[in-house]
Amino acid sequence: MNMYRARQVSLINTGVGLSIIGLGYGIDPNFYPSLYGYALTTVNEVHIFRALCTLYLTLGGYWIYTALRKPQWHEGALISVMVVMFGLFSGRLLSVLFDGMPHWLLFFYMMLEMAVFAQTWFIWRKSRFSES
């Protein structure tokens, strides 16, 4: 697979995956809390989850749009994927270290974020070397 196609596939897969997770926050804000044994009880809590939904959808949409329509933006989009995934992973890792092990799904997300970061970094580095 050439690097242009690898960048496209990575951006689309990451965008779709994050968008699906984001929809869980917005369509039914109690979806994730119910998995972990609690419920949102105030408008403020629901507000935060809906904001997360639109944040995830916006990022996912940007990555998909860039993959399909703006190849000149691929490098910036890959960098933003790495920043987002590193941020999510590092926050979860700190929580594991200070708070203990979370629900298995949250731990899975942490591992997935680390894998997406590593894959994106590899594609980004390889793309930079193949274009120079």
C-alpha atoms as a PDB file:
ATOM      1  CA  MET A   1       0.000   0.000   0.000  1.00  0.00           C
ATOM      2  CA  ASN A   2       1.430   3.376  -0.920  1.00  0.00           C
ATOM      3  CA  MET A   3       1.757   6.032   1.751  1.00  0.00           C
ATOM      4  CA  TYR A   4      -1.026   8.223   0.348  1.00  0.00           C
ATOM      5  CA  ARG A   5      -3.460   5.319   0.654  1.00  0.00           C
ATOM      6  CA  ALA A   6      -2.097   4.382   4.111  1.00  0.00           C
ATOM      7  CA  ARG A   7      -2.733   7.939   5.327  1.00  0.00           C
ATOM      8  CA  GLN A   8      -6.253   7.877   3.886  1.00  0.00           C
ATOM      9  CA  VAL A   9      -7.154   4.516   5.431  1.00  0.00           C
ATOM     10  CA  SER A  10      -5.718   5.500   8.815  1.00  0.00           C
ATOM     11  CA  LEU A  11      -7.572   8.834   8.889  1.00  0.00           C
ATOM     12  CA  ILE A  12     -10.869   7.277   7.780  1.00  0.00           C
ATOM     13  CA  ASN A  13     -10.658   4.381  10.252  1.00  0.00           C
ATOM     14  CA  THR A  14      -9.762   6.678  13.130  1.00  0.00           C
ATOM     15  CA  GLY A  15     -12.450   9.189  12.153  1.00  0.00           C
ATOM     16  CA  VAL A  16     -15.160   6.561  11.896  1.00  0.00           C
ATOM     17  CA  GLY A  17     -14.105   4.874  15.148  1.00  0.00           C
ATOM     18  CA  LEU A  18     -14.036   8.088  17.139  1.00  0.00           C
ATOM     19  CA  SER A  19     -17.358   9.179  15.632  1.00  0.00           C
ATOM     20  CA  ILE A  20     -19.041   5.929  16.648  1.00  0.00           C
ATOM     21  CA  ILE A  21     -17.748   6.307  20.212  1.00  0.00           C
ATOM     22  CA  GLY A  22     -18.882   9.937  20.196  1.00  0.00           C
ATOM     23  CA  LEU A  23     -22.395   8.980  19.155  1.00  0.00           C
ATOM     24  CA  GLY A  24     -22.624   6.905  22.319  1.00  0.00           C
ATOM     25  CA  TYR A  25     -22.139  10.108  24.305  1.00  0.00           C
ATOM     26  CA  GLY A  26     -24.765  12.073  22.401  1.00  0.00           C
ATOM     27  CA  ILE A  27     -27.596   9.806  21.294  1.00  0.00           C
ATOM     28  CA  ASP A  28     -28.055   8.389  24.781  1.00  0.00           C
ATOM     29  CA  PRO A  29     -25.840  10.196  27.284  1.00  0.00           C
ATOM     30  CA  ASN A  30     -26.544   7.461  29.847  1.00  0.00           C
ATOM     31  CA  PHE A  31     -25.266   4.709  27.530  1.00  0.00           C
ATOM     32  CA  TYR A  32     -21.684   4.713  28.829  1.00  0.00           C
ATOM     33  CA  PRO A  33     -22.523   5.493  32.465  1.00  0.00           C
ATOM     34  CA  SER A  34     -24.963   2.559  32.531  1.00  0.00           C
ATOM     35  CA  LEU A  35     -22.129   0.255  31.367  1.00  0.00           C
ATOM     36  CA  TYR A  36     -20.084   1.353  34.351  1.00  0.00           C
ATOM     37  CA  GLY A  37     -22.876   1.142  36.906  1.00  0.00           C
ATOM     38  CA  TYR A  38     -24.037   4.706  37.382  1.00  0.00           C
ATOM     39  CA  ALA A  39     -26.426   7.215  35.800  1.00  0.00           C
ATOM     40  CA  LEU A  40     -26.227  10.856  34.869  1.00  0.00           C
ATOM     41  CA  THR A  41     -28.599  12.736  37.129  1.00  0.00           C
ATOM     42  CA  THR A  42     -28.268  16.407  36.252  1.00  0.00           C
ATOM     43  CA  VAL A  43     -28.551  18.563  33.164  1.00  0.00           C
ATOM     44  CA  ASN A  44     -24.919  19.590  33.701  1.00  0.00           C
ATOM     45  CA  GLU A  45     -23.712  15.993  33.433  1.00  0.00           C
ATOM     46  CA  VAL A  46     -25.750  15.392  30.268  1.00  0.00           C
ATOM     47  CA  HIS A  47     -24.424  18.686  28.875  1.00  0.00           C
ATOM     48  CA  ILE A  48     -20.820  17.498  29.314  1.00  0.00           C
ATOM     49  CA  PHE A  49     -21.541  14.200  27.556  1.00  0.00           C
ATOM     50  CA  ARG A  50     -23.247  15.921  24.621  1.00  0.00           C
ATOM     51  CA  ALA A  51     -20.274  18.286  24.333  1.00  0.00           C
ATOM     52  CA  LEU A  52     -17.970  15.242  24.217  1.00  0.00           C
ATOM     53  CA  CYS A  53     -20.203  13.810  21.494  1.00  0.00           C
ATOM     54  CA  THR A  54     -19.834  16.854  19.277  1.00  0.00           C
ATOM     55  CA  LEU A  55     -16.103  17.120  19.999  1.00  0.00           C
ATOM     56  CA  TYR A  56     -15.593  13.509  18.893  1.00  0.00           C
ATOM     57  CA  LEU A  57     -17.866  13.940  15.853  1.00  0.00           C
ATOM     58  CA  THR A  58     -16.087  17.122  14.815  1.00  0.00           C
ATOM     59  CA  LEU A  59     -12.635  15.555  15.081  1.00  0.00           C
ATOM     60  CA  GLY A  60     -13.788  12.397  13.315  1.00  0.00           C
ATOM     61  CA  GLY A  61     -15.437  14.416  10.574  1.00  0.00           C
ATOM     62  CA  TYR A  62     -12.301  16.504  10.088  1.00  0.00           C
ATOM     63  CA  TRP A  63     -10.148  13.394   9.715  1.00  0.00           C
ATOM     64  CA  ILE A  64     -12.562  11.764   7.252  1.00  0.00           C
ATOM     65  CA  TYR A  65     -12.970  14.972   5.226  1.00  0.00           C
ATOM     66  CA  THR A  66      -9.211  15.452   5.097  1.00  0.00           C
ATOM     67  CA  ALA A  67      -8.657  11.847   4.015  1.00  0.00           C
ATOM     68  CA  LEU A  68     -11.165  12.094   1.169  1.00  0.00           C
ATOM     69  CA  ARG A  69     -10.891  15.712   0.003  1.00  0.00           C
ATOM     70  CA  LYS A  70      -7.737  17.441   1.240  1.00  0.00           C
ATOM     71  CA  PRO A  71      -4.552  15.404   0.740  1.00  0.00           C
ATOM     72  CA  GLN A  72      -2.523  18.571   1.354  1.00  0.00           C
ATOM     73  CA  TRP A  73      -3.883  18.514   4.944  1.00  0.00           C
ATOM     74  CA  HIS A  74      -2.907  14.882   5.629  1.00  0.00           C
ATOM     75  CA  GLU A  75       0.180  15.751   7.658  1.00  0.00           C
ATOM     76  CA  GLY A  76      -1.711  18.145   9.933  1.00  0.00           C
ATOM     77  CA  ALA A  77      -4.559  15.671  10.341  1.00  0.00           C
ATOM     78  CA  LEU A  78      -2.144  12.870  11.265  1.00  0.00           C
ATOM     79  CA  ILE A  79      -0.464  15.141  13.797  1.00  0.00           C
ATOM     80  CA  SER A  80      -3.856  15.999  15.301  1.00  0.00           C
ATOM     81  CA  VAL A  81      -4.687  12.269  15.564  1.00  0.00           C
ATOM     82  CA  MET A  82      -1.429  11.727  17.437  1.00  0.00           C
ATOM     83  CA  VAL A  83      -2.073  14.674  19.778  1.00  0.00           C
ATOM     84  CA  VAL A  84      -5.621  13.512  20.558  1.00  0.00           C
ATOM     85  CA  MET A  85      -4.675   9.853  21.042  1.00  0.00           C
ATOM     86  CA  PHE A  86      -1.644  10.712  23.168  1.00  0.00           C
ATOM     87  CA  GLY A  87      -3.763  13.034  25.292  1.00  0.00           C
ATOM     88  CA  LEU A  88      -6.467  10.435  25.836  1.00  0.00           C
ATOM     89  CA  PHE A  89      -3.943   7.655  26.483  1.00  0.00           C
ATOM     90  CA  SER A  90      -1.818   9.673  28.903  1.00  0.00           C
ATOM     91  CA  GLY A  91      -4.873  10.803  30.892  1.00  0.00           C
ATOM     92  CA  ARG A  92      -6.099   7.227  31.175  1.00  0.00           C
ATOM     93  CA  LEU A  93      -2.632   5.993  32.122  1.00  0.00           C
ATOM     94  CA  LEU A  94      -2.372   8.581  34.893  1.00  0.00           C
ATOM     95  CA  SER A  95      -5.776   7.479  36.135  1.00  0.00           C
ATOM     96  CA  VAL A  96      -4.686   3.827  36.187  1.00  0.00           C
ATOM     97  CA  LEU A  97      -1.554   4.762  38.136  1.00  0.00           C
ATOM     98  CA  PHE A  98      -3.329   7.017  40.661  1.00  0.00           C
ATOM     99  CA  ASP A  99      -6.850   5.573  40.798  1.00  0.00           C
ATOM    100  CA  GLY A 100      -6.473   1.892  39.924  1.00  0.00           C
ATOM    101  CA  MET A 101      -7.844  -0.284  37.161  1.00  0.00           C
ATOM    102  CA  PRO A 102     -11.001   0.948  35.425  1.00  0.00           C
ATOM    103  CA  HIS A 103     -13.772  -1.025  33.744  1.00  0.00           C
ATOM    104  CA  TRP A 104     -12.394  -3.390  31.083  1.00  0.00           C
ATOM    105  CA  LEU A 105     -13.875  -1.282  28.261  1.00  0.00           C
ATOM    106  CA  LEU A 106     -12.020   1.822  29.448  1.00  0.00           C
ATOM    107  CA  PHE A 107      -8.798  -0.164  29.685  1.00  0.00           C
ATOM    108  CA  PHE A 108      -9.442  -1.461  26.150  1.00  0.00           C
ATOM    109  CA  TYR A 109      -9.906   2.134  24.950  1.00  0.00           C
ATOM    110  CA  MET A 110      -6.571   3.039  26.548  1.00  0.00           C
ATOM    111  CA  MET A 111      -4.811   0.233  24.682  1.00  0.00           C
ATOM    112  CA  LEU A 112      -6.589   1.193  21.452  1.00  0.00           C
ATOM    113  CA  GLU A 113      -5.510   4.827  21.845  1.00  0.00           C
ATOM    114  CA  MET A 114      -1.915   3.729  22.323  1.00  0.00           C
ATOM    115  CA  ALA A 115      -2.109   1.505  19.223  1.00  0.00           C
ATOM    116  CA  VAL A 116      -3.685   4.236  17.078  1.00  0.00           C
ATOM    117  CA  PHE A 117      -1.027   6.697  18.253  1.00  0.00           C
ATOM    118  CA  ALA A 118       1.767   4.250  17.366  1.00  0.00           C
ATOM    119  CA  GLN A 119       0.264   3.377  13.975  1.00  0.00           C
ATOM    120  CA  THR A 120      -0.303   7.028  13.109  1.00  0.00           C
ATOM    121  CA  TRP A 121       3.209   7.975  14.179  1.00  0.00           C
ATOM    122  CA  PHE A 122       4.609   5.200  11.984  1.00  0.00           C
ATOM    123  CA  ILE A 123       2.560   6.327   8.956  1.00  0.00           C
ATOM    124  CA  TRP A 124       3.432   9.983   9.557  1.00  0.00           C
ATOM    125  CA  ARG A 125       7.179   9.263   9.845  1.00  0.00           C
ATOM    126  CA  LYS A 126       7.207   6.945   6.848  1.00  0.00           C
ATOM    127  CA  SER A 127       5.277   9.498   4.773  1.00  0.00           C
ATOM    128  CA  ARG A 128       7.780  12.222   5.663  1.00  0.00           C
ATOM    129  CA  PHE A 129      10.720  10.063   4.628  1.00  0.00           C
ATOM    130  CA  SER A 130       9.108   8.804   1.418  1.00  0.00           C
ATOM    131  CA  GLU A 131       8.279  12.355   0.264  1.00  0.00           C
ATOM    132  CA  SER A 132      11.729  13.842   0.878  1.00  0.00           C
END
